[in-house]
Amino acid sequence: MGGFGWQYGQGAGPGWWVVMAIFMIVFWTVLVMGVVYSVRHFRDGHYHHDRPS
């Protein structure tokens, strides 16, 4: 019996780890930049733009 390779095939291929690594870097960069922007935006009081003073 030749193991379990016949059930799962060869996987996604050798290049997919590069695509996934790039995607994870982009994902975390966008997430961190969004948090930093939100903190700066609300800390500086920019959320009061719509209200008349």
PDB file of N, CA and C in Angstrom:
ATOM      1  N   MET A   1       0.851  -1.165   0.000  1.00  0.00           N
ATOM      2  CA  MET A   1       0.000   0.000   0.000  1.00  0.00           C
ATOM      3  C   MET A   1       0.907   1.242   0.000  1.00  0.00           C
ATOM      4  N   GLY A   2       0.640   2.137  -0.884  1.00  0.00           N
ATOM      5  CA  GLY A   2       1.558   3.248  -1.139  1.00  0.00           C
ATOM      6  C   GLY A   2       1.325   4.498  -0.329  1.00  0.00           C
ATOM      7  N   GLY A   3       0.732   4.436   0.810  1.00  0.00           N
ATOM      8  CA  GLY A   3       0.535   5.643   1.621  1.00  0.00           C
ATOM      9  C   GLY A   3      -0.749   6.368   1.225  1.00  0.00           C
ATOM     10  N   PHE A   4      -0.805   7.626   1.560  1.00  0.00           N
ATOM     11  CA  PHE A   4      -2.029   8.390   1.349  1.00  0.00           C
ATOM     12  C   PHE A   4      -1.911   9.399   0.207  1.00  0.00           C
ATOM     13  N   GLY A   5      -0.826   9.385  -0.541  1.00  0.00           N
ATOM     14  CA  GLY A   5      -0.636  10.341  -1.623  1.00  0.00           C
ATOM     15  C   GLY A   5      -1.723  10.284  -2.674  1.00  0.00           C
ATOM     16  N   TRP A   6      -2.284   9.140  -2.890  1.00  0.00           N
ATOM     17  CA  TRP A   6      -3.323   9.005  -3.911  1.00  0.00           C
ATOM     18  C   TRP A   6      -4.603   9.714  -3.508  1.00  0.00           C
ATOM     19  N   GLN A   7      -4.821   9.953  -2.228  1.00  0.00           N
ATOM     20  CA  GLN A   7      -6.044  10.621  -1.787  1.00  0.00           C
ATOM     21  C   GLN A   7      -5.964  12.137  -1.934  1.00  0.00           C
ATOM     22  N   TYR A   8      -4.825  12.706  -1.704  1.00  0.00           N
ATOM     23  CA  TYR A   8      -4.706  14.158  -1.623  1.00  0.00           C
ATOM     24  C   TYR A   8      -3.964  14.779  -2.804  1.00  0.00           C
ATOM     25  N   GLY A   9      -3.422  14.014  -3.693  1.00  0.00           N
ATOM     26  CA  GLY A   9      -2.712  14.574  -4.833  1.00  0.00           C
ATOM     27  C   GLY A   9      -1.397  15.202  -4.412  1.00  0.00           C
ATOM     28  N   GLN A  10      -0.940  16.122  -5.222  1.00  0.00           N
ATOM     29  CA  GLN A  10       0.350  16.753  -4.965  1.00  0.00           C
ATOM     30  C   GLN A  10       0.210  18.102  -4.254  1.00  0.00           C
ATOM     31  N   GLY A  11      -0.958  18.471  -3.873  1.00  0.00           N
ATOM     32  CA  GLY A  11      -1.135  19.745  -3.185  1.00  0.00           C
ATOM     33  C   GLY A  11      -1.323  20.879  -4.178  1.00  0.00           C
ATOM     34  N   ALA A  12      -1.114  22.093  -3.719  1.00  0.00           N
ATOM     35  CA  ALA A  12      -1.367  23.279  -4.533  1.00  0.00           C
ATOM     36  C   ALA A  12      -0.200  23.601  -5.459  1.00  0.00           C
ATOM     37  N   GLY A  13       0.911  22.958  -5.302  1.00  0.00           N
ATOM     38  CA  GLY A  13       2.068  23.237  -6.140  1.00  0.00           C
ATOM     39  C   GLY A  13       3.140  23.984  -5.365  1.00  0.00           C
ATOM     40  N   PRO A  14       4.335  24.029  -5.912  1.00  0.00           N
ATOM     41  CA  PRO A  14       5.452  24.617  -5.173  1.00  0.00           C
ATOM     42  C   PRO A  14       5.429  26.138  -5.089  1.00  0.00           C
ATOM     43  N   GLY A  15       4.719  26.818  -5.970  1.00  0.00           N
ATOM     44  CA  GLY A  15       4.754  28.276  -5.970  1.00  0.00           C
ATOM     45  C   GLY A  15       3.721  28.937  -5.088  1.00  0.00           C
ATOM     46  N   TRP A  16       2.762  28.194  -4.583  1.00  0.00           N
ATOM     47  CA  TRP A  16       1.686  28.800  -3.805  1.00  0.00           C
ATOM     48  C   TRP A  16       2.144  29.357  -2.474  1.00  0.00           C
ATOM     49  N   TRP A  17       3.213  28.828  -1.912  1.00  0.00           N
ATOM     50  CA  TRP A  17       3.686  29.378  -0.639  1.00  0.00           C
ATOM     51  C   TRP A  17       4.162  30.812  -0.825  1.00  0.00           C
ATOM     52  N   VAL A  18       4.694  31.156  -2.001  1.00  0.00           N
ATOM     53  CA  VAL A  18       5.131  32.529  -2.268  1.00  0.00           C
ATOM     54  C   VAL A  18       3.919  33.453  -2.327  1.00  0.00           C
ATOM     55  N   VAL A  19       2.875  33.023  -3.026  1.00  0.00           N
ATOM     56  CA  VAL A  19       1.652  33.818  -3.133  1.00  0.00           C
ATOM     57  C   VAL A  19       1.026  34.020  -1.759  1.00  0.00           C
ATOM     58  N   MET A  20       0.966  32.968  -0.968  1.00  0.00           N
ATOM     59  CA  MET A  20       0.373  33.073   0.365  1.00  0.00           C
ATOM     60  C   MET A  20       1.217  33.961   1.281  1.00  0.00           C
ATOM     61  N   ALA A  21       2.527  33.885   1.173  1.00  0.00           N
ATOM     62  CA  ALA A  21       3.401  34.736   1.988  1.00  0.00           C
ATOM     63  C   ALA A  21       3.190  36.208   1.635  1.00  0.00           C
ATOM     64  N   ILE A  22       3.113  36.518   0.336  1.00  0.00           N
ATOM     65  CA  ILE A  22       2.874  37.893  -0.095  1.00  0.00           C
ATOM     66  C   ILE A  22       1.505  38.356   0.379  1.00  0.00           C
ATOM     67  N   PHE A  23       0.483  37.497   0.258  1.00  0.00           N
ATOM     68  CA  PHE A  23      -0.854  37.855   0.698  1.00  0.00           C
ATOM     69  C   PHE A  23      -0.871  38.149   2.192  1.00  0.00           C
ATOM     70  N   MET A  24      -0.191  37.349   2.978  1.00  0.00           N
ATOM     71  CA  MET A  24      -0.174  37.572   4.428  1.00  0.00           C
ATOM     72  C   MET A  24       0.528  38.883   4.772  1.00  0.00           C
ATOM     73  N   ILE A  25       1.609  39.198   4.087  1.00  0.00           N
ATOM     74  CA  ILE A  25       2.312  40.464   4.327  1.00  0.00           C
ATOM     75  C   ILE A  25       1.404  41.640   3.990  1.00  0.00           C
ATOM     76  N   VAL A  26       0.723  41.565   2.844  1.00  0.00           N
ATOM     77  CA  VAL A  26      -0.193  42.637   2.449  1.00  0.00           C
ATOM     78  C   VAL A  26      -1.349  42.741   3.435  1.00  0.00           C
ATOM     79  N   PHE A  27      -1.923  41.610   3.829  1.00  0.00           N
ATOM     80  CA  PHE A  27      -3.046  41.601   4.757  1.00  0.00           C
ATOM     81  C   PHE A  27      -2.683  42.269   6.075  1.00  0.00           C
ATOM     82  N   TRP A  28      -1.571  41.854   6.676  1.00  0.00           N
ATOM     83  CA  TRP A  28      -1.186  42.417   7.972  1.00  0.00           C
ATOM     84  C   TRP A  28      -0.779  43.877   7.857  1.00  0.00           C
ATOM     85  N   THR A  29      -0.162  44.270   6.732  1.00  0.00           N
ATOM     86  CA  THR A  29       0.206  45.666   6.520  1.00  0.00           C
ATOM     87  C   THR A  29      -1.038  46.543   6.450  1.00  0.00           C
ATOM     88  N   VAL A  30      -2.032  46.110   5.680  1.00  0.00           N
ATOM     89  CA  VAL A  30      -3.276  46.873   5.566  1.00  0.00           C
ATOM     90  C   VAL A  30      -3.994  46.934   6.915  1.00  0.00           C
ATOM     91  N   LEU A  31      -4.014  45.836   7.642  1.00  0.00           N
ATOM     92  CA  LEU A  31      -4.673  45.811   8.944  1.00  0.00           C
ATOM     93  C   LEU A  31      -4.000  46.769   9.923  1.00  0.00           C
ATOM     94  N   VAL A  32      -2.688  46.730  10.014  1.00  0.00           N
ATOM     95  CA  VAL A  32      -1.958  47.604  10.936  1.00  0.00           C
ATOM     96  C   VAL A  32      -2.122  49.064  10.525  1.00  0.00           C
ATOM     97  N   MET A  33      -2.037  49.348   9.217  1.00  0.00           N
ATOM     98  CA  MET A  33      -2.210  50.725   8.754  1.00  0.00           C
ATOM     99  C   MET A  33      -3.619  51.234   9.058  1.00  0.00           C
ATOM    100  N   GLY A  34      -4.619  50.375   8.954  1.00  0.00           N
ATOM    101  CA  GLY A  34      -5.987  50.758   9.275  1.00  0.00           C
ATOM    102  C   GLY A  34      -6.151  51.086  10.744  1.00  0.00           C
ATOM    103  N   VAL A  35      -5.544  50.291  11.597  1.00  0.00           N
ATOM    104  CA  VAL A  35      -5.616  50.550  13.038  1.00  0.00           C
ATOM    105  C   VAL A  35      -4.895  51.851  13.375  1.00  0.00           C
ATOM    106  N   VAL A  36      -3.716  52.056  12.821  1.00  0.00           N
ATOM    107  CA  VAL A  36      -2.956  53.279  13.088  1.00  0.00           C
ATOM    108  C   VAL A  36      -3.740  54.494  12.598  1.00  0.00           C
ATOM    109  N   TYR A  37      -4.312  54.419  11.407  1.00  0.00           N
ATOM    110  CA  TYR A  37      -5.107  55.529  10.881  1.00  0.00           C
ATOM    111  C   TYR A  37      -6.304  55.814  11.783  1.00  0.00           C
ATOM    112  N   SER A  38      -6.995  54.766  12.199  1.00  0.00           N
ATOM    113  CA  SER A  38      -8.176  54.952  13.051  1.00  0.00           C
ATOM    114  C   SER A  38      -7.806  55.593  14.377  1.00  0.00           C
ATOM    115  N   VAL A  39      -6.740  55.130  15.003  1.00  0.00           N
ATOM    116  CA  VAL A  39      -6.318  55.688  16.287  1.00  0.00           C
ATOM    117  C   VAL A  39      -5.945  57.158  16.118  1.00  0.00           C
ATOM    118  N   ARG A  40      -5.177  57.484  15.085  1.00  0.00           N
ATOM    119  CA  ARG A  40      -4.791  58.878  14.872  1.00  0.00           C
ATOM    120  C   ARG A  40      -6.002  59.745  14.542  1.00  0.00           C
ATOM    121  N   HIS A  41      -6.897  59.220  13.746  1.00  0.00           N
ATOM    122  CA  HIS A  41      -8.076  59.976  13.321  1.00  0.00           C
ATOM    123  C   HIS A  41      -8.965  60.328  14.512  1.00  0.00           C
ATOM    124  N   PHE A  42      -9.270  59.354  15.341  1.00  0.00           N
ATOM    125  CA  PHE A  42     -10.160  59.592  16.474  1.00  0.00           C
ATOM    126  C   PHE A  42      -9.454  60.303  17.632  1.00  0.00           C
ATOM    127  N   ARG A  43      -8.167  60.080  17.794  1.00  0.00           N
ATOM    128  CA  ARG A  43      -7.428  60.739  18.874  1.00  0.00           C
ATOM    129  C   ARG A  43      -7.327  62.240  18.621  1.00  0.00           C
ATOM    130  N   ASP A  44      -7.156  62.621  17.360  1.00  0.00           N
ATOM    131  CA  ASP A  44      -7.004  64.031  17.028  1.00  0.00           C
ATOM    132  C   ASP A  44      -8.336  64.770  16.967  1.00  0.00           C
ATOM    133  N   GLY A  45      -9.453  64.079  17.153  1.00  0.00           N
ATOM    134  CA  GLY A  45     -10.750  64.729  17.180  1.00  0.00           C
ATOM    135  C   GLY A  45     -11.336  65.004  15.807  1.00  0.00           C
ATOM    136  N   HIS A  46     -10.881  64.324  14.783  1.00  0.00           N
ATOM    137  CA  HIS A  46     -11.378  64.545  13.424  1.00  0.00           C
ATOM    138  C   HIS A  46     -12.809  64.057  13.251  1.00  0.00           C
ATOM    139  N   TYR A  47     -13.295  63.280  14.176  1.00  0.00           N
ATOM    140  CA  TYR A  47     -14.648  62.765  14.043  1.00  0.00           C
ATOM    141  C   TYR A  47     -15.689  63.834  14.342  1.00  0.00           C
ATOM    142  N   HIS A  48     -15.282  65.044  14.724  1.00  0.00           N
ATOM    143  CA  HIS A  48     -16.209  66.140  15.012  1.00  0.00           C
ATOM    144  C   HIS A  48     -16.464  67.019  13.788  1.00  0.00           C
ATOM    145  N   HIS A  49     -16.011  66.627  12.606  1.00  0.00           N
ATOM    146  CA  HIS A  49     -16.146  67.467  11.414  1.00  0.00           C
ATOM    147  C   HIS A  49     -17.606  67.794  11.085  1.00  0.00           C
ATOM    148  N   ASP A  50     -18.516  66.868  11.297  1.00  0.00           N
ATOM    149  CA  ASP A  50     -19.892  67.056  10.875  1.00  0.00           C
ATOM    150  C   ASP A  50     -20.683  67.979  11.817  1.00  0.00           C
ATOM    151  N   ARG A  51     -20.238  68.115  13.039  1.00  0.00           N
ATOM    152  CA  ARG A  51     -21.000  68.882  14.025  1.00  0.00           C
ATOM    153  C   ARG A  51     -20.685  70.372  13.921  1.00  0.00           C
ATOM    154  N   PRO A  52     -21.706  71.198  13.984  1.00  0.00           N
ATOM    155  CA  PRO A  52     -21.424  72.654  14.054  1.00  0.00           C
ATOM    156  C   PRO A  52     -20.903  73.019  15.438  1.00  0.00           C
ATOM    157  N   SER A  53     -19.976  73.955  15.496  1.00  0.00           N
ATOM    158  CA  SER A  53     -19.443  74.325  16.806  1.00  0.00           C
ATOM    159  C   SER A  53     -20.109  75.554  17.374  1.00  0.00           C
TER     160      SER A  53
END
